[in-house]
Amino acid sequence: MNLSQQLAKHLRDVHFGGNWTTSNLKDNLKNVSWQQAITPVHSFNTIATLVFHVNYYVSAVLKVLQGAPLQASDQYSFDLPPIQSAQDWQDLQEKTWAEAEIFADLIEQLPQEQLWENFTDEKYGTYYRNIQGIIEHTHYHLGQIALIKKILLQQDQQQKKD
């Protein structure tokens, strides 16, 4: 397995499972209702906001791999459109899964030499840095999602007792 294939595997693993942590986005979001997804916990971002945020970067880099110019700004990475129904929540998840899979497919096809080339502009570093960064970023926010979900479940259990 070459490095491009390995990166694609890691991206799929954090989204769909199979990594050594045995934790992934899809499993963590199973059984999260749309109401839970938008429920604020402390001063944390909501689960839905974090899912949007993770996918924001996947989507931006995916478009570059498809030949489009880089059109992203950190300032918009948390601008989740309103989630007002189960369908809105389902749509966000389906977009996340679909784009992660397409992104992984395109990463697999990258010639290994291209991994060491500048990503759109020298200031952004290499393709490798951006792809590996997205994988690390997803793991980071996956941990937040898992903790927020756990807090929400504990709150639900406490409310049922009261």
N, C-alpha and C. Protein backbone atom coordinates (compact mmCIF):
# COMPACT_ATOMS: atom_id res chain seq x y z
N MET A 1 0.86 -1.17 0.00
CA MET A 1 0.00 0.00 0.00
C MET A 1 0.91 1.23 0.00
N ASN A 2 0.70 2.12 -0.96
CA ASN A 2 1.51 3.33 -1.00
C ASN A 2 0.96 4.39 -0.05
N LEU A 3 1.67 5.51 0.08
CA LEU A 3 1.28 6.54 1.05
C LEU A 3 -0.09 7.15 0.73
N SER A 4 -0.38 7.38 -0.53
CA SER A 4 -1.69 7.93 -0.90
C SER A 4 -2.81 6.99 -0.46
N GLN A 5 -2.62 5.70 -0.71
CA GLN A 5 -3.62 4.71 -0.29
C GLN A 5 -3.74 4.66 1.24
N GLN A 6 -2.62 4.78 1.93
CA GLN A 6 -2.64 4.75 3.39
C GLN A 6 -3.39 5.96 3.95
N LEU A 7 -3.16 7.13 3.38
CA LEU A 7 -3.88 8.33 3.82
C LEU A 7 -5.38 8.18 3.58
N ALA A 8 -5.74 7.66 2.43
CA ALA A 8 -7.16 7.43 2.12
C ALA A 8 -7.78 6.47 3.12
N LYS A 9 -7.04 5.43 3.48
CA LYS A 9 -7.53 4.46 4.46
C LYS A 9 -7.75 5.14 5.81
N HIS A 10 -6.80 5.96 6.24
CA HIS A 10 -6.95 6.64 7.53
C HIS A 10 -8.16 7.58 7.53
N LEU A 11 -8.37 8.25 6.40
CA LEU A 11 -9.54 9.14 6.31
C LEU A 11 -10.83 8.33 6.41
N ARG A 12 -10.88 7.22 5.69
CA ARG A 12 -12.07 6.35 5.77
C ARG A 12 -12.24 5.81 7.20
N ASP A 13 -11.15 5.39 7.81
CA ASP A 13 -11.22 4.80 9.15
C ASP A 13 -11.82 5.77 10.17
N VAL A 14 -11.39 7.02 10.14
CA VAL A 14 -11.91 7.98 11.12
C VAL A 14 -13.37 8.33 10.83
N HIS A 15 -13.78 8.22 9.59
CA HIS A 15 -15.18 8.48 9.25
C HIS A 15 -16.08 7.26 9.45
N PHE A 16 -15.59 6.09 9.04
CA PHE A 16 -16.47 4.91 8.95
C PHE A 16 -16.06 3.73 9.82
N GLY A 17 -14.88 3.75 10.39
CA GLY A 17 -14.46 2.66 11.27
C GLY A 17 -13.31 1.87 10.69
N GLY A 18 -12.67 1.11 11.57
CA GLY A 18 -11.57 0.27 11.18
C GLY A 18 -10.24 0.74 11.72
N ASN A 19 -10.23 1.88 12.40
CA ASN A 19 -8.96 2.35 12.94
C ASN A 19 -8.69 1.70 14.30
N TRP A 20 -7.47 1.84 14.76
CA TRP A 20 -7.07 1.16 16.00
C TRP A 20 -7.75 1.75 17.23
N THR A 21 -8.29 2.96 17.13
CA THR A 21 -8.99 3.55 18.28
C THR A 21 -10.40 2.97 18.44
N THR A 22 -10.88 2.28 17.44
CA THR A 22 -12.24 1.73 17.37
C THR A 22 -13.31 2.80 17.57
N SER A 23 -12.98 4.02 17.25
CA SER A 23 -13.93 5.12 17.33
C SER A 23 -13.96 5.82 15.98
N ASN A 24 -15.16 6.14 15.52
CA ASN A 24 -15.29 6.82 14.23
C ASN A 24 -16.54 7.69 14.25
N LEU A 25 -16.60 8.62 13.31
CA LEU A 25 -17.72 9.56 13.26
C LEU A 25 -19.07 8.87 13.07
N LYS A 26 -19.13 7.97 12.11
CA LYS A 26 -20.42 7.37 11.77
C LYS A 26 -21.02 6.64 12.97
N ASP A 27 -20.22 5.82 13.65
CA ASP A 27 -20.74 5.10 14.81
C ASP A 27 -21.10 6.05 15.94
N ASN A 28 -20.30 7.09 16.14
CA ASN A 28 -20.60 8.04 17.21
C ASN A 28 -21.86 8.84 16.94
N LEU A 29 -22.20 9.01 15.68
CA LEU A 29 -23.41 9.79 15.36
C LEU A 29 -24.66 8.93 15.25
N LYS A 30 -24.48 7.60 15.26
CA LYS A 30 -25.66 6.73 15.26
C LYS A 30 -26.49 7.06 16.49
N ASN A 31 -27.76 7.09 16.31
CA ASN A 31 -28.71 7.31 17.41
C ASN A 31 -28.60 8.69 18.05
N VAL A 32 -27.91 9.63 17.41
CA VAL A 32 -27.95 11.02 17.88
C VAL A 32 -29.10 11.68 17.15
N SER A 33 -30.10 12.08 17.89
CA SER A 33 -31.27 12.73 17.28
C SER A 33 -30.88 14.13 16.83
N TRP A 34 -31.72 14.69 15.99
CA TRP A 34 -31.43 16.05 15.53
C TRP A 34 -31.51 17.03 16.69
N GLN A 35 -32.38 16.75 17.66
CA GLN A 35 -32.47 17.63 18.83
C GLN A 35 -31.19 17.56 19.66
N GLN A 36 -30.67 16.35 19.84
CA GLN A 36 -29.40 16.20 20.57
C GLN A 36 -28.27 16.88 19.79
N ALA A 37 -28.29 16.74 18.48
CA ALA A 37 -27.22 17.29 17.65
C ALA A 37 -27.10 18.81 17.76
N ILE A 38 -28.21 19.47 18.09
CA ILE A 38 -28.19 20.94 18.18
C ILE A 38 -28.27 21.44 19.62
N THR A 39 -28.22 20.53 20.58
CA THR A 39 -28.31 20.92 22.00
C THR A 39 -26.97 21.42 22.49
N PRO A 40 -26.94 22.66 22.98
CA PRO A 40 -25.69 23.17 23.53
C PRO A 40 -25.35 22.48 24.86
N VAL A 41 -24.09 22.19 25.05
CA VAL A 41 -23.57 21.64 26.30
C VAL A 41 -22.47 22.59 26.76
N HIS A 42 -22.66 23.15 27.96
CA HIS A 42 -21.71 24.13 28.49
C HIS A 42 -21.47 25.19 27.42
N SER A 43 -20.23 25.52 27.17
CA SER A 43 -19.93 26.51 26.13
C SER A 43 -19.33 25.84 24.89
N PHE A 44 -19.53 24.52 24.78
CA PHE A 44 -18.97 23.78 23.65
C PHE A 44 -19.79 24.03 22.39
N ASN A 45 -19.18 23.75 21.26
CA ASN A 45 -19.94 23.72 20.02
C ASN A 45 -20.89 22.52 20.07
N THR A 46 -21.98 22.60 19.35
CA THR A 46 -22.90 21.47 19.30
C THR A 46 -22.33 20.36 18.43
N ILE A 47 -22.88 19.17 18.57
CA ILE A 47 -22.46 18.05 17.74
C ILE A 47 -22.65 18.39 16.26
N ALA A 48 -23.79 18.96 15.92
CA ALA A 48 -24.05 19.31 14.52
C ALA A 48 -23.03 20.32 14.00
N THR A 49 -22.70 21.31 14.82
CA THR A 49 -21.71 22.30 14.41
C THR A 49 -20.36 21.66 14.17
N LEU A 50 -19.98 20.72 15.03
CA LEU A 50 -18.69 20.04 14.85
C LEU A 50 -18.67 19.16 13.60
N VAL A 51 -19.78 18.51 13.32
CA VAL A 51 -19.86 17.70 12.09
C VAL A 51 -19.72 18.61 10.87
N PHE A 52 -20.43 19.72 10.88
CA PHE A 52 -20.32 20.69 9.78
C PHE A 52 -18.88 21.18 9.64
N HIS A 53 -18.27 21.53 10.77
CA HIS A 53 -16.91 22.06 10.79
C HIS A 53 -15.91 21.05 10.21
N VAL A 54 -15.99 19.82 10.63
CA VAL A 54 -15.10 18.77 10.11
C VAL A 54 -15.28 18.65 8.60
N ASN A 55 -16.53 18.59 8.17
CA ASN A 55 -16.81 18.41 6.74
C ASN A 55 -16.45 19.64 5.92
N TYR A 56 -16.46 20.81 6.54
CA TYR A 56 -16.12 22.04 5.82
C TYR A 56 -14.76 21.91 5.15
N TYR A 57 -13.79 21.40 5.90
CA TYR A 57 -12.44 21.27 5.38
C TYR A 57 -12.31 20.11 4.39
N VAL A 58 -12.99 19.02 4.67
CA VAL A 58 -13.02 17.91 3.71
C VAL A 58 -13.57 18.42 2.38
N SER A 59 -14.67 19.13 2.44
CA SER A 59 -15.32 19.64 1.24
C SER A 59 -14.42 20.60 0.47
N ALA A 60 -13.73 21.47 1.18
CA ALA A 60 -12.87 22.47 0.54
C ALA A 60 -11.71 21.80 -0.19
N VAL A 61 -11.05 20.87 0.46
CA VAL A 61 -9.90 20.21 -0.16
C VAL A 61 -10.36 19.25 -1.26
N LEU A 62 -11.51 18.62 -1.06
CA LEU A 62 -12.09 17.77 -2.09
C LEU A 62 -12.26 18.55 -3.39
N LYS A 63 -12.79 19.74 -3.30
CA LYS A 63 -13.01 20.55 -4.51
C LYS A 63 -11.69 20.86 -5.21
N VAL A 64 -10.63 21.08 -4.43
CA VAL A 64 -9.33 21.33 -5.05
C VAL A 64 -8.87 20.07 -5.79
N LEU A 65 -9.04 18.91 -5.17
CA LEU A 65 -8.64 17.66 -5.83
C LEU A 65 -9.47 17.41 -7.09
N GLN A 66 -10.66 18.01 -7.16
CA GLN A 66 -11.50 17.88 -8.34
C GLN A 66 -11.19 18.95 -9.38
N GLY A 67 -10.19 19.80 -9.10
CA GLY A 67 -9.76 20.79 -10.08
C GLY A 67 -10.23 22.21 -9.85
N ALA A 68 -10.99 22.46 -8.81
CA ALA A 68 -11.49 23.80 -8.53
C ALA A 68 -10.46 24.57 -7.69
N PRO A 69 -10.55 25.89 -7.69
CA PRO A 69 -9.66 26.66 -6.83
C PRO A 69 -10.07 26.50 -5.36
N LEU A 70 -9.14 26.76 -4.47
CA LEU A 70 -9.45 26.71 -3.04
C LEU A 70 -10.37 27.86 -2.70
N GLN A 71 -11.54 27.55 -2.16
CA GLN A 71 -12.55 28.54 -1.80
C GLN A 71 -13.00 28.25 -0.38
N ALA A 72 -12.18 28.58 0.59
CA ALA A 72 -12.53 28.32 1.98
C ALA A 72 -11.88 29.37 2.85
N SER A 73 -12.50 29.61 3.97
CA SER A 73 -11.95 30.54 4.96
C SER A 73 -12.32 30.02 6.34
N ASP A 74 -11.35 30.00 7.22
CA ASP A 74 -11.60 29.53 8.58
C ASP A 74 -12.79 30.24 9.23
N GLN A 75 -12.98 31.50 8.89
CA GLN A 75 -14.05 32.28 9.51
C GLN A 75 -15.45 31.72 9.22
N TYR A 76 -15.58 30.91 8.16
CA TYR A 76 -16.88 30.34 7.81
C TYR A 76 -17.02 28.87 8.22
N SER A 77 -15.99 28.33 8.82
CA SER A 77 -15.96 26.89 9.07
C SER A 77 -16.92 26.41 10.16
N PHE A 78 -17.50 27.34 10.91
CA PHE A 78 -18.48 26.98 11.93
C PHE A 78 -19.88 27.49 11.57
N ASP A 79 -20.07 27.98 10.36
CA ASP A 79 -21.34 28.58 9.95
C ASP A 79 -22.36 27.52 9.52
N LEU A 80 -22.77 26.72 10.46
CA LEU A 80 -23.75 25.67 10.22
C LEU A 80 -25.10 26.27 9.85
N PRO A 81 -25.65 25.87 8.70
CA PRO A 81 -27.03 26.28 8.41
C PRO A 81 -27.96 25.69 9.48
N PRO A 82 -29.07 26.33 9.73
CA PRO A 82 -29.96 25.84 10.80
C PRO A 82 -30.38 24.39 10.58
N ILE A 83 -30.33 23.63 11.65
CA ILE A 83 -30.86 22.25 11.66
C ILE A 83 -32.21 22.35 12.38
N GLN A 84 -33.28 22.18 11.61
CA GLN A 84 -34.61 22.36 12.18
C GLN A 84 -35.48 21.12 12.11
N SER A 85 -34.87 20.03 11.65
CA SER A 85 -35.64 18.80 11.53
C SER A 85 -34.69 17.60 11.44
N ALA A 86 -35.29 16.43 11.59
CA ALA A 86 -34.52 15.20 11.43
C ALA A 86 -33.94 15.12 10.02
N GLN A 87 -34.67 15.62 9.04
CA GLN A 87 -34.19 15.58 7.65
C GLN A 87 -32.96 16.47 7.48
N ASP A 88 -32.96 17.65 8.08
CA ASP A 88 -31.79 18.52 8.01
C ASP A 88 -30.56 17.82 8.59
N TRP A 89 -30.74 17.17 9.73
CA TRP A 89 -29.65 16.46 10.38
C TRP A 89 -29.18 15.28 9.52
N GLN A 90 -30.13 14.55 8.96
CA GLN A 90 -29.79 13.42 8.08
C GLN A 90 -29.04 13.92 6.85
N ASP A 91 -29.49 15.03 6.28
CA ASP A 91 -28.84 15.58 5.08
C ASP A 91 -27.38 15.97 5.38
N LEU A 92 -27.14 16.58 6.54
CA LEU A 92 -25.78 16.95 6.90
C LEU A 92 -24.89 15.71 7.02
N GLN A 93 -25.42 14.68 7.65
CA GLN A 93 -24.64 13.45 7.79
C GLN A 93 -24.37 12.79 6.43
N GLU A 94 -25.39 12.72 5.61
CA GLU A 94 -25.22 12.09 4.28
C GLU A 94 -24.20 12.85 3.43
N LYS A 95 -24.23 14.16 3.50
CA LYS A 95 -23.24 14.98 2.79
C LYS A 95 -21.84 14.67 3.33
N THR A 96 -21.72 14.56 4.62
CA THR A 96 -20.44 14.27 5.26
C THR A 96 -19.89 12.92 4.80
N TRP A 97 -20.75 11.88 4.81
CA TRP A 97 -20.30 10.54 4.40
C TRP A 97 -19.95 10.51 2.92
N ALA A 98 -20.77 11.11 2.10
CA ALA A 98 -20.54 11.08 0.66
C ALA A 98 -19.24 11.81 0.30
N GLU A 99 -19.03 12.98 0.87
CA GLU A 99 -17.84 13.75 0.54
C GLU A 99 -16.58 13.09 1.10
N ALA A 100 -16.68 12.46 2.26
CA ALA A 100 -15.52 11.74 2.82
C ALA A 100 -15.12 10.60 1.89
N GLU A 101 -16.09 9.89 1.37
CA GLU A 101 -15.78 8.76 0.49
C GLU A 101 -15.18 9.23 -0.84
N ILE A 102 -15.76 10.27 -1.42
CA ILE A 102 -15.20 10.81 -2.67
C ILE A 102 -13.79 11.34 -2.43
N PHE A 103 -13.61 12.04 -1.32
CA PHE A 103 -12.30 12.58 -0.96
C PHE A 103 -11.27 11.45 -0.83
N ALA A 104 -11.63 10.39 -0.13
CA ALA A 104 -10.73 9.25 0.03
C ALA A 104 -10.40 8.63 -1.32
N ASP A 105 -11.39 8.50 -2.20
CA ASP A 105 -11.15 7.95 -3.53
C ASP A 105 -10.12 8.79 -4.29
N LEU A 106 -10.25 10.11 -4.19
CA LEU A 106 -9.32 10.99 -4.90
C LEU A 106 -7.93 10.98 -4.27
N ILE A 107 -7.86 10.87 -2.96
CA ILE A 107 -6.56 10.77 -2.29
C ILE A 107 -5.84 9.52 -2.78
N GLU A 108 -6.56 8.40 -2.86
CA GLU A 108 -5.96 7.14 -3.33
C GLU A 108 -5.31 7.29 -4.70
N GLN A 109 -5.90 8.13 -5.53
CA GLN A 109 -5.43 8.29 -6.91
C GLN A 109 -4.27 9.28 -7.04
N LEU A 110 -3.96 9.99 -5.97
CA LEU A 110 -2.88 10.99 -6.05
C LEU A 110 -1.54 10.30 -6.26
N PRO A 111 -0.78 10.74 -7.24
CA PRO A 111 0.58 10.23 -7.36
C PRO A 111 1.35 10.63 -6.10
N GLN A 112 2.17 9.72 -5.60
CA GLN A 112 2.89 10.00 -4.35
C GLN A 112 3.74 11.27 -4.45
N GLU A 113 4.27 11.54 -5.62
CA GLU A 113 5.09 12.75 -5.78
C GLU A 113 4.28 14.01 -5.49
N GLN A 114 3.00 13.98 -5.84
CA GLN A 114 2.16 15.16 -5.65
C GLN A 114 1.94 15.46 -4.17
N LEU A 115 2.04 14.45 -3.32
CA LEU A 115 1.87 14.67 -1.88
C LEU A 115 2.88 15.68 -1.34
N TRP A 116 4.02 15.80 -2.00
CA TRP A 116 5.09 16.68 -1.51
C TRP A 116 5.10 18.02 -2.24
N GLU A 117 4.14 18.23 -3.12
CA GLU A 117 4.02 19.52 -3.82
C GLU A 117 3.19 20.48 -2.99
N ASN A 118 3.34 21.76 -3.29
CA ASN A 118 2.56 22.78 -2.58
C ASN A 118 1.08 22.61 -2.89
N PHE A 119 0.29 22.77 -1.87
CA PHE A 119 -1.17 22.69 -2.00
C PHE A 119 -1.69 24.08 -2.34
N THR A 120 -2.04 24.31 -3.55
CA THR A 120 -2.57 25.55 -4.14
C THR A 120 -1.64 26.75 -3.97
N ASP A 121 -0.97 26.87 -2.84
CA ASP A 121 -0.08 28.00 -2.57
C ASP A 121 0.93 27.55 -1.53
N GLU A 122 2.14 28.01 -1.65
CA GLU A 122 3.20 27.61 -0.73
C GLU A 122 2.82 27.84 0.73
N LYS A 123 2.05 28.89 1.00
CA LYS A 123 1.70 29.21 2.40
C LYS A 123 0.85 28.12 3.06
N TYR A 124 0.22 27.24 2.28
CA TYR A 124 -0.61 26.17 2.84
C TYR A 124 0.16 24.87 3.03
N GLY A 125 1.41 24.85 2.64
CA GLY A 125 2.19 23.63 2.78
C GLY A 125 1.88 22.64 1.67
N THR A 126 2.22 21.40 1.92
CA THR A 126 2.08 20.36 0.89
C THR A 126 0.70 19.72 0.92
N TYR A 127 0.43 18.96 -0.12
CA TYR A 127 -0.79 18.15 -0.15
C TYR A 127 -0.81 17.21 1.05
N TYR A 128 0.34 16.58 1.32
CA TYR A 128 0.41 15.66 2.47
C TYR A 128 0.02 16.37 3.75
N ARG A 129 0.58 17.53 4.01
CA ARG A 129 0.28 18.28 5.23
C ARG A 129 -1.21 18.56 5.36
N ASN A 130 -1.84 18.94 4.27
CA ASN A 130 -3.27 19.26 4.31
C ASN A 130 -4.13 18.02 4.52
N ILE A 131 -3.80 16.94 3.84
CA ILE A 131 -4.59 15.71 3.99
C ILE A 131 -4.40 15.12 5.39
N GLN A 132 -3.14 15.01 5.82
CA GLN A 132 -2.88 14.49 7.16
C GLN A 132 -3.50 15.40 8.22
N GLY A 133 -3.44 16.69 7.98
CA GLY A 133 -4.06 17.64 8.91
C GLY A 133 -5.56 17.44 9.04
N ILE A 134 -6.22 17.17 7.94
CA ILE A 134 -7.66 16.92 7.97
C ILE A 134 -7.96 15.66 8.77
N ILE A 135 -7.15 14.64 8.61
CA ILE A 135 -7.35 13.40 9.37
C ILE A 135 -7.17 13.67 10.87
N GLU A 136 -6.11 14.37 11.23
CA GLU A 136 -5.87 14.70 12.64
C GLU A 136 -6.99 15.59 13.19
N HIS A 137 -7.39 16.56 12.41
CA HIS A 137 -8.47 17.47 12.80
C HIS A 137 -9.77 16.71 13.05
N THR A 138 -10.05 15.74 12.21
CA THR A 138 -11.26 14.93 12.37
C THR A 138 -11.18 14.11 13.64
N HIS A 139 -10.03 13.51 13.93
CA HIS A 139 -9.87 12.77 15.18
C HIS A 139 -10.08 13.68 16.39
N TYR A 140 -9.53 14.86 16.34
CA TYR A 140 -9.67 15.82 17.44
C TYR A 140 -11.15 16.11 17.72
N HIS A 141 -11.88 16.46 16.68
CA HIS A 141 -13.29 16.79 16.87
C HIS A 141 -14.14 15.56 17.15
N LEU A 142 -13.72 14.40 16.67
CA LEU A 142 -14.40 13.15 17.01
C LEU A 142 -14.39 12.95 18.53
N GLY A 143 -13.26 13.22 19.16
CA GLY A 143 -13.19 13.13 20.62
C GLY A 143 -14.15 14.07 21.29
N GLN A 144 -14.27 15.28 20.80
CA GLN A 144 -15.23 16.24 21.36
C GLN A 144 -16.66 15.74 21.19
N ILE A 145 -16.96 15.23 20.01
CA ILE A 145 -18.31 14.72 19.74
C ILE A 145 -18.64 13.58 20.70
N ALA A 146 -17.69 12.67 20.88
CA ALA A 146 -17.93 11.53 21.78
C ALA A 146 -18.20 12.01 23.21
N LEU A 147 -17.46 13.00 23.67
CA LEU A 147 -17.67 13.51 25.03
C LEU A 147 -19.00 14.26 25.16
N ILE A 148 -19.32 15.08 24.17
CA ILE A 148 -20.60 15.81 24.21
C ILE A 148 -21.76 14.83 24.20
N LYS A 149 -21.67 13.81 23.37
CA LYS A 149 -22.72 12.79 23.31
C LYS A 149 -22.88 12.12 24.68
N LYS A 150 -21.79 11.80 25.30
CA LYS A 150 -21.83 11.15 26.62
C LYS A 150 -22.50 12.08 27.65
N ILE A 151 -22.15 13.35 27.63
CA ILE A 151 -22.77 14.31 28.55
C ILE A 151 -24.28 14.40 28.29
N LEU A 152 -24.66 14.47 27.02
CA LEU A 152 -26.09 14.54 26.68
C LEU A 152 -26.84 13.31 27.17
N LEU A 153 -26.25 12.14 27.00
CA LEU A 153 -26.90 10.90 27.45
C LEU A 153 -27.03 10.88 28.97
N GLN A 154 -26.02 11.37 29.66
CA GLN A 154 -26.10 11.44 31.12
C GLN A 154 -27.18 12.42 31.56
N GLN A 155 -27.29 13.55 30.87
CA GLN A 155 -28.34 14.52 31.18
C GLN A 155 -29.72 13.92 30.95
N ASP A 156 -29.88 13.19 29.85
CA ASP A 156 -31.15 12.53 29.55
C ASP A 156 -31.51 11.52 30.64
N GLN A 157 -30.54 10.75 31.08
CA GLN A 157 -30.78 9.75 32.15
C GLN A 157 -31.15 10.43 33.45
N GLN A 158 -30.49 11.54 33.73
CA GLN A 158 -30.80 12.27 34.97
C GLN A 158 -32.21 12.84 34.91
N GLN A 159 -32.62 13.37 33.78
CA GLN A 159 -33.97 13.91 33.63
C GLN A 159 -35.03 12.84 33.80
N LYS A 160 -34.76 11.64 33.34
CA LYS A 160 -35.70 10.55 33.47
C LYS A 160 -35.85 10.12 34.93
N LYS A 161 -34.77 10.25 35.70
CA LYS A 161 -34.82 9.92 37.13
C LYS A 161 -35.60 10.95 37.92
N ASP A 162 -35.49 12.21 37.50
CA ASP A 162 -36.15 13.31 38.25
C ASP A 162 -37.64 13.35 38.07
